[in-house]
Amino acid sequence: MARYLFILLNLLLLEVSAQTTTYKFRIRYSNYSALASSPFLINGQKLTTDPQGIISLSIPNQITFANIGSVNPKSYIIDYPMEGRANLPKDNSIFVDIYVSKPGPDPIKQAVREMARINASSDARLIRKLQEETRRGYDSIVQLLSNREKIDDKALARGRMEFLPLISSALNQYLNEARDANDAFLALKNSMDNAGAFKQFADAILSYNEIFELLNGNKSTYEQAINTYWNSKELSLKFSSLLDFSIEEIHKPYLLEINYAFLDRIYQYNEESNKSRKRELGRALAADIAAHSASLSRRLNILGERVVSFNTLLNNNAAIEN
């Protein structure tokens, strides 16, 4: 009887997931002229604009944003929304505006030249790969929920195998980058006059920021994937709680606090010309860096335990009944 009830609940969930809302995407140049009769990718579907530059698409109600892509990036690129991710309005009579432009020379290439070295690193390549695969995975969720007849055990298993390494890798990478940032910060304690130590710290923070943005920006995608493929609201809530812990217990009070409480003090230390005063500033700063780093280390140890526990649950491919 319990199994029969569970089957009925699943059928009800599938029925609800089949409900869709039709949105209108308006594709324009920055001068507001329409991009007519041009193909675009919206949530993985190749669609063509009408003479007014509009594409209409039905999207499952539980989806909150749409991925917009250029079919031919050599002809035009997406300028807005950033990274081609458009939030869906509550009122579907409101157009979802997409602005495009023709590719041209990058006006800020000089400003980001130093970033090229970091973007070439293995960590940066991993983050880009995670972002690309997460985007494709999200498109797969939308397509699956749009065709409920295709939702069967094989489709759910494929989805779990697609998202299991994505979610686990993102969590593990976040933990690793947070630890690296903390190690580089602690190294400043005895190296406040060393330019190399500051460069190492800056690189660590840049890498940390990238994985934080990826994980935080794809929170709803990963939650939806767990809800859909693992059929588990409980597991989805555990994931949400894990990210909340990362933000409220690690990111805000410790890593962001480095910007607010320490960088100005380090600058003042390096600018101080009085040797006696500089020694005093250095001793106080070193003690506070050590204390801050130690507290962050304790939080990261807790996060590490929670990540291992969650990944173990996620690795269990059996659906968890709600």
C-alpha atoms as a PDB file:
ATOM      1  CA  MET A   1       0.000   0.000   0.000  1.00  0.00           C
ATOM      2  CA  ALA A   2       2.819   2.396   0.911  1.00  0.00           C
ATOM      3  CA  ARG A   3       4.588   1.660  -2.379  1.00  0.00           C
ATOM      4  CA  TYR A   4       1.338   2.234  -4.299  1.00  0.00           C
ATOM      5  CA  LEU A   5       0.871   5.574  -2.533  1.00  0.00           C
ATOM      6  CA  PHE A   6       4.445   6.548  -3.390  1.00  0.00           C
ATOM      7  CA  ILE A   7       3.799   5.765  -7.063  1.00  0.00           C
ATOM      8  CA  LEU A   8       0.668   7.929  -7.005  1.00  0.00           C
ATOM      9  CA  LEU A   9       2.624  10.797  -5.439  1.00  0.00           C
ATOM     10  CA  ASN A  10       5.256  10.490  -8.151  1.00  0.00           C
ATOM     11  CA  LEU A  11       2.589  10.616 -10.842  1.00  0.00           C
ATOM     12  CA  LEU A  12       1.134  13.716  -9.212  1.00  0.00           C
ATOM     13  CA  LEU A  13       4.561  15.370  -9.150  1.00  0.00           C
ATOM     14  CA  LEU A  14       5.045  14.575 -12.821  1.00  0.00           C
ATOM     15  CA  GLU A  15       1.648  16.083 -13.601  1.00  0.00           C
ATOM     16  CA  VAL A  16       2.552  19.272 -11.774  1.00  0.00           C
ATOM     17  CA  SER A  17       5.932  19.448 -13.493  1.00  0.00           C
ATOM     18  CA  ALA A  18       4.195  19.302 -16.878  1.00  0.00           C
ATOM     19  CA  GLN A  19       2.527  22.697 -16.305  1.00  0.00           C
ATOM     20  CA  THR A  20       4.222  25.394 -18.359  1.00  0.00           C
ATOM     21  CA  THR A  21       4.138  29.153 -18.930  1.00  0.00           C
ATOM     22  CA  THR A  22       4.793  30.822 -22.279  1.00  0.00           C
ATOM     23  CA  TYR A  23       7.372  33.618 -22.267  1.00  0.00           C
ATOM     24  CA  LYS A  24       8.349  36.045 -25.007  1.00  0.00           C
ATOM     25  CA  PHE A  25      12.051  36.700 -25.574  1.00  0.00           C
ATOM     26  CA  ARG A  26      12.797  39.948 -27.421  1.00  0.00           C
ATOM     27  CA  ILE A  27      16.179  39.917 -29.190  1.00  0.00           C
ATOM     28  CA  ARG A  28      17.553  43.388 -29.977  1.00  0.00           C
ATOM     29  CA  TYR A  29      20.697  45.376 -30.649  1.00  0.00           C
ATOM     30  CA  SER A  30      21.733  48.120 -28.227  1.00  0.00           C
ATOM     31  CA  ASN A  31      19.973  50.691 -30.442  1.00  0.00           C
ATOM     32  CA  TYR A  32      16.724  48.700 -29.851  1.00  0.00           C
ATOM     33  CA  SER A  33      16.477  47.509 -33.468  1.00  0.00           C
ATOM     34  CA  ALA A  34      15.141  43.950 -33.729  1.00  0.00           C
ATOM     35  CA  LEU A  35      17.271  41.000 -34.781  1.00  0.00           C
ATOM     36  CA  ALA A  36      14.843  39.317 -37.158  1.00  0.00           C
ATOM     37  CA  SER A  37      14.929  35.788 -38.601  1.00  0.00           C
ATOM     38  CA  SER A  38      17.976  34.756 -36.587  1.00  0.00           C
ATOM     39  CA  PRO A  39      18.516  31.469 -34.750  1.00  0.00           C
ATOM     40  CA  PHE A  40      19.161  31.307 -31.008  1.00  0.00           C
ATOM     41  CA  LEU A  41      19.539  28.622 -28.371  1.00  0.00           C
ATOM     42  CA  ILE A  42      17.103  28.975 -25.461  1.00  0.00           C
ATOM     43  CA  ASN A  43      17.471  26.274 -22.827  1.00  0.00           C
ATOM     44  CA  GLY A  44      19.118  24.089 -25.428  1.00  0.00           C
ATOM     45  CA  GLN A  45      16.398  24.516 -28.078  1.00  0.00           C
ATOM     46  CA  LYS A  46      17.287  26.089 -31.429  1.00  0.00           C
ATOM     47  CA  LEU A  47      14.630  28.689 -32.234  1.00  0.00           C
ATOM     48  CA  THR A  48      14.362  31.527 -34.756  1.00  0.00           C
ATOM     49  CA  THR A  49      13.227  35.104 -34.109  1.00  0.00           C
ATOM     50  CA  ASP A  50      10.194  36.482 -35.928  1.00  0.00           C
ATOM     51  CA  PRO A  51      10.310  39.783 -37.928  1.00  0.00           C
ATOM     52  CA  GLN A  52      10.052  41.708 -34.637  1.00  0.00           C
ATOM     53  CA  GLY A  53      12.947  39.779 -33.122  1.00  0.00           C
ATOM     54  CA  ILE A  54      10.678  37.804 -30.784  1.00  0.00           C
ATOM     55  CA  ILE A  55      10.770  34.143 -29.773  1.00  0.00           C
ATOM     56  CA  SER A  56       7.931  32.549 -27.799  1.00  0.00           C
ATOM     57  CA  LEU A  57       8.693  29.498 -25.693  1.00  0.00           C
ATOM     58  CA  SER A  58       6.775  27.438 -23.121  1.00  0.00           C
ATOM     59  CA  ILE A  59       8.866  26.669 -20.033  1.00  0.00           C
ATOM     60  CA  PRO A  60       7.993  24.451 -17.031  1.00  0.00           C
ATOM     61  CA  ASN A  61       6.658  26.497 -14.121  1.00  0.00           C
ATOM     62  CA  GLN A  62       9.329  25.409 -11.656  1.00  0.00           C
ATOM     63  CA  ILE A  63      12.107  26.817 -13.878  1.00  0.00           C
ATOM     64  CA  THR A  64      13.116  30.339 -12.842  1.00  0.00           C
ATOM     65  CA  PHE A  65      15.598  31.370 -15.536  1.00  0.00           C
ATOM     66  CA  ALA A  66      16.568  30.631 -19.126  1.00  0.00           C
ATOM     67  CA  ASN A  67      19.951  30.107 -20.771  1.00  0.00           C
ATOM     68  CA  ILE A  68      20.330  32.156 -23.950  1.00  0.00           C
ATOM     69  CA  GLY A  69      23.009  31.244 -26.461  1.00  0.00           C
ATOM     70  CA  SER A  70      24.150  32.398 -29.865  1.00  0.00           C
ATOM     71  CA  VAL A  71      23.992  29.729 -32.555  1.00  0.00           C
ATOM     72  CA  ASN A  72      26.778  31.502 -34.434  1.00  0.00           C
ATOM     73  CA  PRO A  73      29.034  33.540 -32.091  1.00  0.00           C
ATOM     74  CA  LYS A  74      30.981  34.818 -35.127  1.00  0.00           C
ATOM     75  CA  SER A  75      27.848  36.672 -36.277  1.00  0.00           C
ATOM     76  CA  TYR A  76      26.591  38.031 -32.963  1.00  0.00           C
ATOM     77  CA  ILE A  77      27.219  37.678 -29.236  1.00  0.00           C
ATOM     78  CA  ILE A  78      25.034  38.049 -26.145  1.00  0.00           C
ATOM     79  CA  ASP A  79      25.749  41.329 -24.323  1.00  0.00           C
ATOM     80  CA  TYR A  80      22.859  41.146 -21.854  1.00  0.00           C
ATOM     81  CA  PRO A  81      21.951  39.366 -19.658  1.00  0.00           C
ATOM     82  CA  MET A  82      25.404  38.563 -18.320  1.00  0.00           C
ATOM     83  CA  GLU A  83      26.602  35.083 -19.335  1.00  0.00           C
ATOM     84  CA  GLY A  84      23.333  34.611 -21.246  1.00  0.00           C
ATOM     85  CA  ARG A  85      21.299  33.791 -18.143  1.00  0.00           C
ATOM     86  CA  ALA A  86      17.899  35.555 -18.117  1.00  0.00           C
ATOM     87  CA  ASN A  87      15.608  35.563 -15.087  1.00  0.00           C
ATOM     88  CA  LEU A  88      12.021  34.776 -15.983  1.00  0.00           C
ATOM     89  CA  PRO A  89       9.483  37.444 -14.899  1.00  0.00           C
ATOM     90  CA  LYS A  90       6.553  36.556 -12.657  1.00  0.00           C
ATOM     91  CA  ASP A  91       4.281  38.284 -15.184  1.00  0.00           C
ATOM     92  CA  ASN A  92       4.742  36.453 -18.484  1.00  0.00           C
ATOM     93  CA  SER A  93       3.255  39.398 -20.409  1.00  0.00           C
ATOM     94  CA  ILE A  94       6.533  41.211 -19.783  1.00  0.00           C
ATOM     95  CA  PHE A  95       9.150  40.707 -22.479  1.00  0.00           C
ATOM     96  CA  VAL A  96      12.449  39.068 -21.574  1.00  0.00           C
ATOM     97  CA  ASP A  97      14.875  41.449 -23.293  1.00  0.00           C
ATOM     98  CA  ILE A  98      18.072  40.058 -24.775  1.00  0.00           C
ATOM     99  CA  TYR A  99      20.653  42.475 -26.196  1.00  0.00           C
ATOM    100  CA  VAL A 100      23.208  41.362 -28.762  1.00  0.00           C
ATOM    101  CA  SER A 101      26.050  42.870 -30.756  1.00  0.00           C
ATOM    102  CA  LYS A 102      28.413  41.919 -33.546  1.00  0.00           C
ATOM    103  CA  PRO A 103      31.810  40.646 -32.367  1.00  0.00           C
ATOM    104  CA  GLY A 104      34.613  43.176 -32.406  1.00  0.00           C
ATOM    105  CA  PRO A 105      37.905  44.049 -30.694  1.00  0.00           C
ATOM    106  CA  ASP A 106      37.822  43.686 -26.934  1.00  0.00           C
ATOM    107  CA  PRO A 107      38.114  47.230 -25.499  1.00  0.00           C
ATOM    108  CA  ILE A 108      39.307  45.990 -22.115  1.00  0.00           C
ATOM    109  CA  LYS A 109      41.893  43.478 -23.300  1.00  0.00           C
ATOM    110  CA  GLN A 110      44.739  45.501 -21.845  1.00  0.00           C
ATOM    111  CA  ALA A 111      43.052  45.642 -18.436  1.00  0.00           C
ATOM    112  CA  VAL A 112      42.614  41.886 -18.207  1.00  0.00           C
ATOM    113  CA  ARG A 113      46.002  40.814 -19.595  1.00  0.00           C
ATOM    114  CA  GLU A 114      47.226  39.838 -16.142  1.00  0.00           C
ATOM    115  CA  MET A 115      44.161  37.606 -15.745  1.00  0.00           C
ATOM    116  CA  ALA A 116      45.240  35.482 -18.724  1.00  0.00           C
ATOM    117  CA  ARG A 117      47.827  33.690 -16.635  1.00  0.00           C
ATOM    118  CA  ILE A 118      45.250  32.750 -14.022  1.00  0.00           C
ATOM    119  CA  ASN A 119      42.662  31.718 -16.607  1.00  0.00           C
ATOM    120  CA  ALA A 120      45.226  29.326 -18.067  1.00  0.00           C
ATOM    121  CA  SER A 121      45.645  27.493 -14.764  1.00  0.00           C
ATOM    122  CA  SER A 122      44.272  24.009 -14.173  1.00  0.00           C
ATOM    123  CA  ASP A 123      41.861  25.339 -11.539  1.00  0.00           C
ATOM    124  CA  ALA A 124      40.427  27.885 -13.963  1.00  0.00           C
ATOM    125  CA  ARG A 125      40.042  25.229 -16.669  1.00  0.00           C
ATOM    126  CA  LEU A 126      38.185  22.993 -14.218  1.00  0.00           C
ATOM    127  CA  ILE A 127      35.830  25.817 -13.234  1.00  0.00           C
ATOM    128  CA  ARG A 128      35.106  26.649 -16.889  1.00  0.00           C
ATOM    129  CA  LYS A 129      34.412  22.978 -17.559  1.00  0.00           C
ATOM    130  CA  LEU A 130      32.058  22.794 -14.564  1.00  0.00           C
ATOM    131  CA  GLN A 131      30.238  25.919 -15.766  1.00  0.00           C
ATOM    132  CA  GLU A 132      29.806  24.601 -19.306  1.00  0.00           C
ATOM    133  CA  GLU A 133      28.629  21.167 -18.183  1.00  0.00           C
ATOM    134  CA  THR A 134      26.264  22.665 -15.602  1.00  0.00           C
ATOM    135  CA  ARG A 135      24.737  24.850 -18.291  1.00  0.00           C
ATOM    136  CA  ARG A 136      24.183  21.834 -20.536  1.00  0.00           C
ATOM    137  CA  GLY A 137      22.800  19.898 -17.601  1.00  0.00           C
ATOM    138  CA  TYR A 138      20.306  22.653 -16.853  1.00  0.00           C
ATOM    139  CA  ASP A 139      19.124  22.605 -20.463  1.00  0.00           C
ATOM    140  CA  SER A 140      18.612  18.837 -20.122  1.00  0.00           C
ATOM    141  CA  ILE A 141      16.450  19.350 -17.020  1.00  0.00           C
ATOM    142  CA  VAL A 142      14.260  21.870 -18.852  1.00  0.00           C
ATOM    143  CA  GLN A 143      13.818  19.556 -21.824  1.00  0.00           C
ATOM    144  CA  LEU A 144      13.010  16.591 -19.580  1.00  0.00           C
ATOM    145  CA  LEU A 145      10.406  18.510 -17.565  1.00  0.00           C
ATOM    146  CA  SER A 146       8.880  19.815 -20.797  1.00  0.00           C
ATOM    147  CA  ASN A 147       8.275  16.229 -21.987  1.00  0.00           C
ATOM    148  CA  ARG A 148       6.987  14.294 -18.998  1.00  0.00           C
ATOM    149  CA  GLU A 149       6.428  11.195 -21.138  1.00  0.00           C
ATOM    150  CA  LYS A 150      10.213  10.836 -21.271  1.00  0.00           C
ATOM    151  CA  ILE A 151      10.637  10.800 -17.492  1.00  0.00           C
ATOM    152  CA  ASP A 152      11.450   7.189 -16.671  1.00  0.00           C
ATOM    153  CA  ASP A 153      14.012   5.360 -14.562  1.00  0.00           C
ATOM    154  CA  LYS A 154      16.620   5.467 -17.334  1.00  0.00           C
ATOM    155  CA  ALA A 155      16.256   9.227 -17.791  1.00  0.00           C
ATOM    156  CA  LEU A 156      16.556   9.801 -14.037  1.00  0.00           C
ATOM    157  CA  ALA A 157      19.617   7.549 -13.831  1.00  0.00           C
ATOM    158  CA  ARG A 158      21.282   9.421 -16.701  1.00  0.00           C
ATOM    159  CA  GLY A 159      20.558  12.702 -14.942  1.00  0.00           C
ATOM    160  CA  ARG A 160      22.068  11.459 -11.686  1.00  0.00           C
ATOM    161  CA  MET A 161      25.193  10.310 -13.477  1.00  0.00           C
ATOM    162  CA  GLU A 162      25.427  13.691 -15.238  1.00  0.00           C
ATOM    163  CA  PHE A 163      25.048  15.834 -12.118  1.00  0.00           C
ATOM    164  CA  LEU A 164      26.768  13.648  -9.518  1.00  0.00           C
ATOM    165  CA  PRO A 165      30.310  14.588 -10.651  1.00  0.00           C
ATOM    166  CA  LEU A 166      29.285  18.213 -11.282  1.00  0.00           C
ATOM    167  CA  ILE A 167      27.888  18.846  -7.807  1.00  0.00           C
ATOM    168  CA  SER A 168      30.558  16.830  -6.000  1.00  0.00           C
ATOM    169  CA  SER A 169      33.393  18.483  -7.948  1.00  0.00           C
ATOM    170  CA  ALA A 170      31.984  21.977  -7.348  1.00  0.00           C
ATOM    171  CA  LEU A 171      31.725  21.376  -3.592  1.00  0.00           C
ATOM    172  CA  ASN A 172      35.191  19.818  -3.365  1.00  0.00           C
ATOM    173  CA  GLN A 173      36.732  22.586  -5.464  1.00  0.00           C
ATOM    174  CA  TYR A 174      35.108  25.269  -3.307  1.00  0.00           C
ATOM    175  CA  LEU A 175      36.510  23.633  -0.181  1.00  0.00           C
ATOM    176  CA  ASN A 176      39.997  23.351  -1.735  1.00  0.00           C
ATOM    177  CA  GLU A 177      40.050  26.968  -2.949  1.00  0.00           C
ATOM    178  CA  ALA A 178      38.826  28.264   0.426  1.00  0.00           C
ATOM    179  CA  ARG A 179      41.610  26.338   2.158  1.00  0.00           C
ATOM    180  CA  ASP A 180      44.188  27.633  -0.341  1.00  0.00           C
ATOM    181  CA  ALA A 181      42.996  31.202   0.239  1.00  0.00           C
ATOM    182  CA  ASN A 182      43.289  30.728   3.992  1.00  0.00           C
ATOM    183  CA  ASP A 183      46.789  29.264   3.673  1.00  0.00           C
ATOM    184  CA  ALA A 184      47.909  32.174   1.487  1.00  0.00           C
ATOM    185  CA  PHE A 185      46.376  34.637   3.949  1.00  0.00           C
ATOM    186  CA  LEU A 186      48.162  33.021   6.900  1.00  0.00           C
ATOM    187  CA  ALA A 187      51.444  33.164   4.964  1.00  0.00           C
ATOM    188  CA  LEU A 188      51.171  36.962   4.987  1.00  0.00           C
ATOM    189  CA  LYS A 189      51.686  36.895   8.760  1.00  0.00           C
ATOM    190  CA  ASN A 190      55.437  36.491   8.314  1.00  0.00           C
ATOM    191  CA  SER A 191      55.727  37.957   4.810  1.00  0.00           C
ATOM    192  CA  MET A 192      54.121  41.389   4.917  1.00  0.00           C
ATOM    193  CA  ASP A 193      57.151  42.900   3.166  1.00  0.00           C
ATOM    194  CA  ASN A 194      57.234  40.191   0.497  1.00  0.00           C
ATOM    195  CA  ALA A 195      55.604  41.089  -2.838  1.00  0.00           C
ATOM    196  CA  GLY A 196      55.589  37.419  -3.850  1.00  0.00           C
ATOM    197  CA  ALA A 197      53.439  36.508  -0.859  1.00  0.00           C
ATOM    198  CA  PHE A 198      50.907  39.171  -1.803  1.00  0.00           C
ATOM    199  CA  LYS A 199      50.806  37.901  -5.392  1.00  0.00           C
ATOM    200  CA  GLN A 200      50.213  34.356  -4.149  1.00  0.00           C
ATOM    201  CA  PHE A 201      47.418  35.612  -1.913  1.00  0.00           C
ATOM    202  CA  ALA A 202      45.830  37.636  -4.759  1.00  0.00           C
ATOM    203  CA  ASP A 203      45.910  34.587  -7.053  1.00  0.00           C
ATOM    204  CA  ALA A 204      44.319  32.421  -4.348  1.00  0.00           C
ATOM    205  CA  ILE A 205      41.515  34.943  -3.809  1.00  0.00           C
ATOM    206  CA  LEU A 206      40.831  35.185  -7.554  1.00  0.00           C
ATOM    207  CA  SER A 207      40.565  31.399  -7.810  1.00  0.00           C
ATOM    208  CA  TYR A 208      38.335  31.292  -4.731  1.00  0.00           C
ATOM    209  CA  ASN A 209      36.036  33.984  -6.138  1.00  0.00           C
ATOM    210  CA  GLU A 210      35.578  32.053  -9.372  1.00  0.00           C
ATOM    211  CA  ILE A 211      34.445  28.825  -7.717  1.00  0.00           C
ATOM    212  CA  PHE A 212      32.293  30.738  -5.216  1.00  0.00           C
ATOM    213  CA  GLU A 213      30.489  32.523  -8.065  1.00  0.00           C
ATOM    214  CA  LEU A 214      30.008  29.250  -9.926  1.00  0.00           C
ATOM    215  CA  LEU A 215      28.604  27.417  -6.914  1.00  0.00           C
ATOM    216  CA  ASN A 216      26.435  30.279  -5.687  1.00  0.00           C
ATOM    217  CA  GLY A 217      25.250  31.190  -9.196  1.00  0.00           C
ATOM    218  CA  ASN A 218      24.207  27.602  -9.971  1.00  0.00           C
ATOM    219  CA  LYS A 219      22.577  26.885  -6.602  1.00  0.00           C
ATOM    220  CA  SER A 220      19.054  26.740  -8.062  1.00  0.00           C
ATOM    221  CA  THR A 221      20.237  24.512 -10.932  1.00  0.00           C
ATOM    222  CA  TYR A 222      21.804  21.981  -8.571  1.00  0.00           C
ATOM    223  CA  GLU A 223      18.763  22.066  -6.282  1.00  0.00           C
ATOM    224  CA  GLN A 224      16.474  21.440  -9.254  1.00  0.00           C
ATOM    225  CA  ALA A 225      18.701  18.591 -10.441  1.00  0.00           C
ATOM    226  CA  ILE A 226      18.581  16.903  -7.028  1.00  0.00           C
ATOM    227  CA  ASN A 227      14.827  17.385  -6.816  1.00  0.00           C
ATOM    228  CA  THR A 228      14.337  15.954 -10.296  1.00  0.00           C
ATOM    229  CA  TYR A 229      16.896  13.177 -10.648  1.00  0.00           C
ATOM    230  CA  TRP A 230      17.189  12.015  -7.047  1.00  0.00           C
ATOM    231  CA  ASN A 231      13.480  12.616  -6.414  1.00  0.00           C
ATOM    232  CA  SER A 232      14.404  14.019  -3.012  1.00  0.00           C
ATOM    233  CA  LYS A 233      13.285  17.286  -1.483  1.00  0.00           C
ATOM    234  CA  GLU A 234      15.181  16.275   1.655  1.00  0.00           C
ATOM    235  CA  LEU A 235      18.486  15.939  -0.197  1.00  0.00           C
ATOM    236  CA  SER A 236      17.861  19.209  -2.022  1.00  0.00           C
ATOM    237  CA  LEU A 237      17.342  20.980   1.309  1.00  0.00           C
ATOM    238  CA  LYS A 238      20.571  19.454   2.647  1.00  0.00           C
ATOM    239  CA  PHE A 239      22.415  20.893  -0.341  1.00  0.00           C
ATOM    240  CA  SER A 240      20.802  24.303   0.219  1.00  0.00           C
ATOM    241  CA  SER A 241      21.775  24.176   3.901  1.00  0.00           C
ATOM    242  CA  LEU A 242      25.352  23.293   2.939  1.00  0.00           C
ATOM    243  CA  LEU A 243      25.622  26.334   0.675  1.00  0.00           C
ATOM    244  CA  ASP A 244      24.025  28.565   3.307  1.00  0.00           C
ATOM    245  CA  PHE A 245      26.688  27.405   5.762  1.00  0.00           C
ATOM    246  CA  SER A 246      29.410  28.196   3.221  1.00  0.00           C
ATOM    247  CA  ILE A 247      28.066  31.707   2.693  1.00  0.00           C
ATOM    248  CA  GLU A 248      27.007  32.673   6.222  1.00  0.00           C
ATOM    249  CA  GLU A 249      29.706  30.876   8.232  1.00  0.00           C
ATOM    250  CA  ILE A 250      32.712  31.095   5.898  1.00  0.00           C
ATOM    251  CA  HIS A 251      32.375  33.522   2.988  1.00  0.00           C
ATOM    252  CA  LYS A 252      30.845  36.545   4.712  1.00  0.00           C
ATOM    253  CA  PRO A 253      32.428  36.518   8.182  1.00  0.00           C
ATOM    254  CA  TYR A 254      35.907  35.337   7.164  1.00  0.00           C
ATOM    255  CA  LEU A 255      36.902  35.648   3.516  1.00  0.00           C
ATOM    256  CA  LEU A 256      35.031  38.893   2.872  1.00  0.00           C
ATOM    257  CA  GLU A 257      36.205  40.195   6.234  1.00  0.00           C
ATOM    258  CA  ILE A 258      39.795  39.981   4.994  1.00  0.00           C
ATOM    259  CA  ASN A 259      38.957  42.826   2.593  1.00  0.00           C
ATOM    260  CA  TYR A 260      37.306  44.924   5.277  1.00  0.00           C
ATOM    261  CA  ALA A 261      39.532  44.311   8.295  1.00  0.00           C
ATOM    262  CA  PHE A 262      43.001  43.416   7.039  1.00  0.00           C
ATOM    263  CA  LEU A 263      43.973  44.792   3.634  1.00  0.00           C
ATOM    264  CA  ASP A 264      43.888  48.427   4.779  1.00  0.00           C
ATOM    265  CA  ARG A 265      45.954  47.522   7.844  1.00  0.00           C
ATOM    266  CA  ILE A 266      48.539  45.721   5.696  1.00  0.00           C
ATOM    267  CA  TYR A 267      48.708  48.774   3.434  1.00  0.00           C
ATOM    268  CA  GLN A 268      49.218  51.050   6.457  1.00  0.00           C
ATOM    269  CA  TYR A 269      51.981  48.740   7.703  1.00  0.00           C
ATOM    270  CA  ASN A 270      53.840  48.933   4.404  1.00  0.00           C
ATOM    271  CA  GLU A 271      53.443  52.730   4.240  1.00  0.00           C
ATOM    272  CA  GLU A 272      54.631  53.317   7.799  1.00  0.00           C
ATOM    273  CA  SER A 273      58.063  55.009   7.822  1.00  0.00           C
ATOM    274  CA  ASN A 274      58.618  54.993  11.595  1.00  0.00           C
ATOM    275  CA  LYS A 275      60.437  51.730  12.394  1.00  0.00           C
ATOM    276  CA  SER A 276      59.160  51.478  15.968  1.00  0.00           C
ATOM    277  CA  ARG A 277      55.571  52.123  14.949  1.00  0.00           C
ATOM    278  CA  LYS A 278      55.923  49.679  12.056  1.00  0.00           C
ATOM    279  CA  ARG A 279      57.073  46.915  14.425  1.00  0.00           C
ATOM    280  CA  GLU A 280      54.039  47.529  16.639  1.00  0.00           C
ATOM    281  CA  LEU A 281      51.688  47.443  13.670  1.00  0.00           C
ATOM    282  CA  GLY A 282      53.370  44.271  12.400  1.00  0.00           C
ATOM    283  CA  ARG A 283      53.074  42.427  15.727  1.00  0.00           C
ATOM    284  CA  ALA A 284      49.394  43.326  16.163  1.00  0.00           C
ATOM    285  CA  LEU A 285      48.610  42.483  12.555  1.00  0.00           C
ATOM    286  CA  ALA A 286      50.411  39.127  12.682  1.00  0.00           C
ATOM    287  CA  ALA A 287      48.513  38.143  15.838  1.00  0.00           C
ATOM    288  CA  ASP A 288      45.144  39.089  14.313  1.00  0.00           C
ATOM    289  CA  ILE A 289      45.929  37.286  11.037  1.00  0.00           C
ATOM    290  CA  ALA A 290      46.809  34.126  12.973  1.00  0.00           C
ATOM    291  CA  ALA A 291      43.599  34.296  15.039  1.00  0.00           C
ATOM    292  CA  HIS A 292      41.404  34.985  11.996  1.00  0.00           C
ATOM    293  CA  SER A 293      43.022  32.173  10.018  1.00  0.00           C
ATOM    294  CA  ALA A 294      42.659  29.714  12.908  1.00  0.00           C
ATOM    295  CA  SER A 295      38.932  30.476  13.252  1.00  0.00           C
ATOM    296  CA  LEU A 296      38.470  30.084   9.508  1.00  0.00           C
ATOM    297  CA  SER A 297      40.339  26.759   9.618  1.00  0.00           C
ATOM    298  CA  ARG A 298      37.896  25.442  12.210  1.00  0.00           C
ATOM    299  CA  ARG A 299      34.942  26.422  10.044  1.00  0.00           C
ATOM    300  CA  LEU A 300      36.561  24.824   6.998  1.00  0.00           C
ATOM    301  CA  ASN A 301      37.051  21.581   8.931  1.00  0.00           C
ATOM    302  CA  ILE A 302      33.313  21.545   9.710  1.00  0.00           C
ATOM    303  CA  LEU A 303      32.534  22.271   6.065  1.00  0.00           C
ATOM    304  CA  GLY A 304      34.863  19.469   4.984  1.00  0.00           C
ATOM    305  CA  GLU A 305      32.993  16.966   7.141  1.00  0.00           C
ATOM    306  CA  ARG A 306      29.656  18.157   5.795  1.00  0.00           C
ATOM    307  CA  VAL A 307      30.839  17.979   2.177  1.00  0.00           C
ATOM    308  CA  VAL A 308      32.054  14.388   2.650  1.00  0.00           C
ATOM    309  CA  SER A 309      28.754  13.436   4.289  1.00  0.00           C
ATOM    310  CA  PHE A 310      26.671  15.081   1.572  1.00  0.00           C
ATOM    311  CA  ASN A 311      28.692  13.575  -1.276  1.00  0.00           C
ATOM    312  CA  THR A 312      28.200  10.148   0.308  1.00  0.00           C
ATOM    313  CA  LEU A 313      24.426  10.683   0.278  1.00  0.00           C
ATOM    314  CA  LEU A 314      24.531  11.998  -3.267  1.00  0.00           C
ATOM    315  CA  ASN A 315      26.520   8.984  -4.399  1.00  0.00           C
ATOM    316  CA  ASN A 316      23.625   6.755  -3.352  1.00  0.00           C
ATOM    317  CA  ASN A 317      21.675   6.488  -6.578  1.00  0.00           C
ATOM    318  CA  ALA A 318      18.509   5.151  -4.920  1.00  0.00           C
ATOM    319  CA  ALA A 319      15.691   7.710  -4.853  1.00  0.00           C
ATOM    320  CA  ILE A 320      14.916   8.963  -1.363  1.00  0.00           C
ATOM    321  CA  GLU A 321      11.240   9.078  -0.577  1.00  0.00           C
ATOM    322  CA  ASN A 322      10.003  12.471   0.640  1.00  0.00           C
END
